[in-house]
């Protein structure tokens, strides 16, 4: 995924102040890959290592729906008063 996004964005776009948007963009691509049943992760050279390709359609759909909900929560809180409370548990673990 990192290589995929490096190619999609100009080097100047990787500023620290944009890291939240970059993270959400990556999650949205992951959600798109989960919803597209004919495709796994982009630019995976050894398809035996592509975890998405190994999921059955129901698992993919469930994971895509869960991820869409999480993305919505993150986007809605971004740069708002609840931002820290919503974002930190994803990086520090849930209680």
N, C-alpha and C. Protein backbone atom coordinates (compact mmCIF):
# COMPACT_ATOMS: atom_id res chain seq x y z
N UNK A 1 0.83 -1.18 0.00
CA UNK A 1 0.00 0.00 0.00
C UNK A 1 0.87 1.25 0.00
N UNK A 2 1.94 1.21 0.74
CA UNK A 2 2.82 2.40 0.82
C UNK A 2 3.36 2.74 -0.56
N UNK A 3 3.83 1.75 -1.30
CA UNK A 3 4.33 2.01 -2.65
C UNK A 3 3.22 2.53 -3.55
N UNK A 4 2.03 1.99 -3.41
CA UNK A 4 0.90 2.42 -4.20
C UNK A 4 0.63 3.90 -3.97
N UNK A 5 0.63 4.33 -2.72
CA UNK A 5 0.34 5.73 -2.42
C UNK A 5 1.50 6.65 -2.77
N UNK A 6 2.70 6.14 -2.70
CA UNK A 6 3.85 6.95 -3.10
C UNK A 6 3.71 7.33 -4.57
N UNK A 7 3.23 6.40 -5.37
CA UNK A 7 3.05 6.68 -6.80
C UNK A 7 1.86 7.58 -7.07
N UNK A 8 0.85 7.52 -6.22
CA UNK A 8 -0.37 8.31 -6.44
C UNK A 8 -0.23 9.77 -6.04
N UNK A 9 0.69 10.07 -5.15
CA UNK A 9 0.83 11.44 -4.64
C UNK A 9 2.19 12.01 -5.00
N UNK A 10 2.17 13.28 -5.25
CA UNK A 10 3.42 13.99 -5.48
C UNK A 10 4.20 14.05 -4.16
N UNK A 11 5.53 14.04 -4.20
CA UNK A 11 6.32 14.08 -2.96
C UNK A 11 5.95 15.27 -2.06
N UNK A 12 5.61 16.38 -2.66
CA UNK A 12 5.28 17.56 -1.84
C UNK A 12 3.96 17.37 -1.08
N UNK A 13 3.17 16.38 -1.49
CA UNK A 13 1.89 16.13 -0.84
C UNK A 13 2.03 15.35 0.47
N UNK A 14 3.22 14.91 0.80
CA UNK A 14 3.41 14.11 2.00
C UNK A 14 3.77 14.96 3.22
N UNK A 15 3.22 16.15 3.29
CA UNK A 15 3.49 17.04 4.42
C UNK A 15 2.80 16.51 5.68
N UNK A 16 3.39 16.76 6.83
CA UNK A 16 2.83 16.27 8.09
C UNK A 16 1.41 16.74 8.33
N UNK A 17 1.10 17.96 7.90
CA UNK A 17 -0.25 18.47 8.14
C UNK A 17 -1.31 17.74 7.30
N UNK A 18 -0.86 16.99 6.29
CA UNK A 18 -1.78 16.24 5.43
C UNK A 18 -1.86 14.77 5.78
N UNK A 19 -1.16 14.34 6.81
CA UNK A 19 -1.05 12.91 7.10
C UNK A 19 -2.41 12.28 7.42
N UNK A 20 -3.31 13.03 8.05
CA UNK A 20 -4.64 12.51 8.34
C UNK A 20 -5.41 12.23 7.06
N UNK A 21 -5.33 13.16 6.11
CA UNK A 21 -6.00 12.96 4.81
C UNK A 21 -5.39 11.79 4.05
N UNK A 22 -4.08 11.66 4.11
CA UNK A 22 -3.40 10.56 3.43
C UNK A 22 -3.84 9.23 4.03
N UNK A 23 -3.92 9.18 5.35
CA UNK A 23 -4.37 7.96 6.04
C UNK A 23 -5.79 7.60 5.62
N UNK A 24 -6.69 8.58 5.59
CA UNK A 24 -8.07 8.32 5.19
C UNK A 24 -8.15 7.90 3.73
N UNK A 25 -7.33 8.50 2.87
CA UNK A 25 -7.28 8.08 1.47
C UNK A 25 -6.89 6.62 1.36
N UNK A 26 -5.90 6.21 2.16
CA UNK A 26 -5.45 4.82 2.14
C UNK A 26 -6.56 3.88 2.60
N UNK A 27 -7.28 4.28 3.64
CA UNK A 27 -8.40 3.46 4.11
C UNK A 27 -9.49 3.34 3.05
N UNK A 28 -9.74 4.43 2.33
CA UNK A 28 -10.76 4.40 1.28
C UNK A 28 -10.35 3.48 0.12
N UNK A 29 -9.07 3.46 -0.21
CA UNK A 29 -8.61 2.53 -1.25
C UNK A 29 -8.76 1.10 -0.76
N UNK A 30 -8.44 0.86 0.48
CA UNK A 30 -8.60 -0.48 1.06
C UNK A 30 -10.07 -0.90 1.03
N UNK A 31 -10.97 0.02 1.37
CA UNK A 31 -12.40 -0.28 1.30
C UNK A 31 -12.81 -0.61 -0.14
N UNK A 32 -12.32 0.18 -1.07
CA UNK A 32 -12.62 -0.06 -2.49
C UNK A 32 -12.14 -1.45 -2.92
N UNK A 33 -10.95 -1.83 -2.49
CA UNK A 33 -10.40 -3.15 -2.82
C UNK A 33 -11.26 -4.26 -2.22
N UNK A 34 -11.76 -4.04 -1.01
CA UNK A 34 -12.63 -5.03 -0.39
C UNK A 34 -13.95 -5.18 -1.14
N UNK A 35 -14.47 -4.08 -1.64
CA UNK A 35 -15.76 -4.11 -2.35
C UNK A 35 -15.62 -4.69 -3.77
N UNK A 36 -14.45 -4.55 -4.36
CA UNK A 36 -14.23 -5.06 -5.71
C UNK A 36 -13.80 -6.52 -5.59
N UNK A 37 -14.72 -7.41 -5.81
CA UNK A 37 -14.46 -8.85 -5.56
C UNK A 37 -13.48 -9.47 -6.55
N UNK A 38 -13.21 -8.79 -7.63
CA UNK A 38 -12.28 -9.34 -8.63
C UNK A 38 -10.86 -8.85 -8.42
N UNK A 39 -10.65 -8.12 -7.35
CA UNK A 39 -9.33 -7.52 -7.16
C UNK A 39 -8.93 -7.58 -5.69
N UNK A 40 -7.66 -7.77 -5.48
CA UNK A 40 -7.12 -7.70 -4.13
C UNK A 40 -6.41 -6.38 -3.95
N UNK A 41 -5.35 -6.39 -3.21
CA UNK A 41 -4.56 -5.18 -3.01
C UNK A 41 -3.80 -4.82 -4.28
N UNK A 42 -3.71 -3.54 -4.60
CA UNK A 42 -2.97 -3.14 -5.79
C UNK A 42 -1.47 -3.38 -5.62
N UNK A 43 -0.85 -3.77 -6.67
CA UNK A 43 0.61 -3.93 -6.73
C UNK A 43 1.16 -4.98 -5.77
N UNK A 44 0.38 -6.02 -5.51
CA UNK A 44 0.90 -7.16 -4.74
C UNK A 44 1.50 -8.12 -5.77
N UNK A 45 2.78 -8.35 -5.66
CA UNK A 45 3.47 -9.14 -6.67
C UNK A 45 3.30 -10.64 -6.47
N UNK A 46 3.15 -11.07 -5.25
CA UNK A 46 2.94 -12.48 -4.95
C UNK A 46 1.52 -12.62 -4.41
N UNK A 47 0.59 -13.07 -5.27
CA UNK A 47 -0.81 -13.09 -4.89
C UNK A 47 -1.10 -14.06 -3.74
N UNK A 48 -0.19 -14.96 -3.45
CA UNK A 48 -0.38 -15.84 -2.29
C UNK A 48 -0.31 -15.04 -1.00
N UNK A 49 0.30 -13.86 -1.05
CA UNK A 49 0.41 -13.00 0.13
C UNK A 49 -0.68 -11.94 0.20
N UNK A 50 -1.58 -11.93 -0.75
CA UNK A 50 -2.66 -10.94 -0.77
C UNK A 50 -3.79 -11.42 0.13
N UNK A 51 -3.89 -10.85 1.31
CA UNK A 51 -4.88 -11.29 2.29
C UNK A 51 -6.31 -11.03 1.82
N UNK A 52 -6.52 -9.96 1.06
CA UNK A 52 -7.88 -9.65 0.60
C UNK A 52 -8.38 -10.68 -0.39
N UNK A 53 -7.50 -11.16 -1.23
CA UNK A 53 -7.89 -12.14 -2.25
C UNK A 53 -8.32 -13.46 -1.60
N UNK A 54 -7.88 -13.70 -0.38
CA UNK A 54 -8.21 -14.95 0.31
C UNK A 54 -9.55 -14.91 1.05
N UNK A 55 -10.15 -13.73 1.17
CA UNK A 55 -11.41 -13.59 1.88
C UNK A 55 -12.57 -14.01 0.99
N UNK A 56 -13.58 -14.64 1.60
CA UNK A 56 -14.76 -14.98 0.82
C UNK A 56 -15.62 -13.73 0.67
N UNK A 57 -16.59 -13.73 -0.25
CA UNK A 57 -17.38 -12.52 -0.51
C UNK A 57 -18.09 -11.95 0.71
N UNK A 58 -18.60 -12.80 1.58
CA UNK A 58 -19.27 -12.30 2.79
C UNK A 58 -18.29 -11.60 3.73
N UNK A 59 -17.11 -12.18 3.89
CA UNK A 59 -16.09 -11.55 4.74
C UNK A 59 -15.67 -10.20 4.16
N UNK A 60 -15.49 -10.16 2.86
CA UNK A 60 -15.10 -8.90 2.21
C UNK A 60 -16.16 -7.83 2.42
N UNK A 61 -17.41 -8.20 2.24
CA UNK A 61 -18.51 -7.25 2.39
C UNK A 61 -18.59 -6.75 3.83
N UNK A 62 -18.50 -7.66 4.79
CA UNK A 62 -18.55 -7.28 6.21
C UNK A 62 -17.41 -6.35 6.58
N UNK A 63 -16.22 -6.68 6.12
CA UNK A 63 -15.06 -5.84 6.43
C UNK A 63 -15.17 -4.48 5.74
N UNK A 64 -15.66 -4.45 4.51
CA UNK A 64 -15.83 -3.18 3.79
C UNK A 64 -16.85 -2.29 4.50
N UNK A 65 -17.94 -2.88 4.96
CA UNK A 65 -18.96 -2.11 5.67
C UNK A 65 -18.42 -1.56 6.99
N UNK A 66 -17.69 -2.40 7.73
CA UNK A 66 -17.09 -1.96 8.98
C UNK A 66 -16.12 -0.81 8.72
N UNK A 67 -15.28 -0.99 7.69
CA UNK A 67 -14.28 0.03 7.38
C UNK A 67 -14.95 1.34 6.95
N UNK A 68 -16.01 1.26 6.14
CA UNK A 68 -16.73 2.47 5.72
C UNK A 68 -17.26 3.23 6.93
N UNK A 69 -17.76 2.50 7.92
CA UNK A 69 -18.26 3.13 9.14
C UNK A 69 -17.14 3.82 9.91
N UNK A 70 -15.98 3.17 9.99
CA UNK A 70 -14.85 3.77 10.70
C UNK A 70 -14.34 5.01 9.96
N UNK A 71 -14.27 4.93 8.65
CA UNK A 71 -13.82 6.08 7.85
C UNK A 71 -14.77 7.26 8.08
N UNK A 72 -16.06 6.99 8.09
CA UNK A 72 -17.05 8.05 8.31
C UNK A 72 -16.83 8.71 9.67
N UNK A 73 -16.61 7.89 10.72
CA UNK A 73 -16.36 8.44 12.06
C UNK A 73 -15.10 9.31 12.06
N UNK A 74 -14.05 8.82 11.42
CA UNK A 74 -12.80 9.58 11.39
C UNK A 74 -12.96 10.88 10.62
N UNK A 75 -13.57 10.82 9.45
CA UNK A 75 -13.77 12.03 8.63
C UNK A 75 -14.63 13.06 9.36
N UNK A 76 -15.71 12.59 9.99
CA UNK A 76 -16.61 13.52 10.68
C UNK A 76 -15.96 14.21 11.86
N UNK A 77 -14.99 13.57 12.46
CA UNK A 77 -14.32 14.17 13.62
C UNK A 77 -13.06 14.94 13.26
N UNK A 78 -12.58 14.77 12.04
CA UNK A 78 -11.31 15.37 11.64
C UNK A 78 -11.32 16.88 11.82
N UNK A 79 -10.30 17.37 12.50
CA UNK A 79 -10.10 18.79 12.75
C UNK A 79 -11.20 19.42 13.61
N UNK A 80 -12.00 18.60 14.26
CA UNK A 80 -13.06 19.11 15.13
C UNK A 80 -12.71 18.91 16.59
N UNK A 81 -13.61 19.31 17.49
CA UNK A 81 -13.32 19.21 18.93
C UNK A 81 -13.18 17.77 19.43
N UNK A 82 -13.78 16.80 18.74
CA UNK A 82 -13.70 15.41 19.15
C UNK A 82 -12.60 14.64 18.43
N UNK A 83 -11.81 15.30 17.63
CA UNK A 83 -10.81 14.64 16.79
C UNK A 83 -9.89 13.72 17.60
N UNK A 84 -9.29 14.24 18.62
CA UNK A 84 -8.35 13.45 19.42
C UNK A 84 -9.03 12.25 20.06
N UNK A 85 -10.23 12.44 20.60
CA UNK A 85 -10.95 11.35 21.26
C UNK A 85 -11.32 10.24 20.28
N UNK A 86 -11.59 10.60 19.03
CA UNK A 86 -11.98 9.60 18.04
C UNK A 86 -10.76 8.93 17.42
N UNK A 87 -9.74 9.71 17.09
CA UNK A 87 -8.59 9.18 16.36
C UNK A 87 -7.62 8.38 17.22
N UNK A 88 -7.34 8.84 18.43
CA UNK A 88 -6.31 8.18 19.26
C UNK A 88 -6.55 6.70 19.53
N UNK A 89 -7.77 6.27 19.82
CA UNK A 89 -7.96 4.83 20.08
C UNK A 89 -7.54 3.93 18.91
N UNK A 90 -7.59 4.44 17.69
CA UNK A 90 -7.17 3.62 16.54
C UNK A 90 -5.66 3.37 16.55
N UNK A 91 -4.92 4.28 17.17
CA UNK A 91 -3.46 4.16 17.17
C UNK A 91 -2.92 3.68 18.50
N UNK A 92 -3.66 3.87 19.56
CA UNK A 92 -3.18 3.47 20.89
C UNK A 92 -3.87 2.22 21.40
N UNK A 93 -4.86 1.74 20.68
CA UNK A 93 -5.63 0.58 21.13
C UNK A 93 -6.84 1.03 21.90
N UNK A 94 -7.80 0.17 21.90
CA UNK A 94 -9.07 0.48 22.61
C UNK A 94 -8.99 0.00 24.05
N UNK A 95 -9.72 0.69 24.91
CA UNK A 95 -9.74 0.31 26.34
C UNK A 95 -10.42 -1.00 26.53
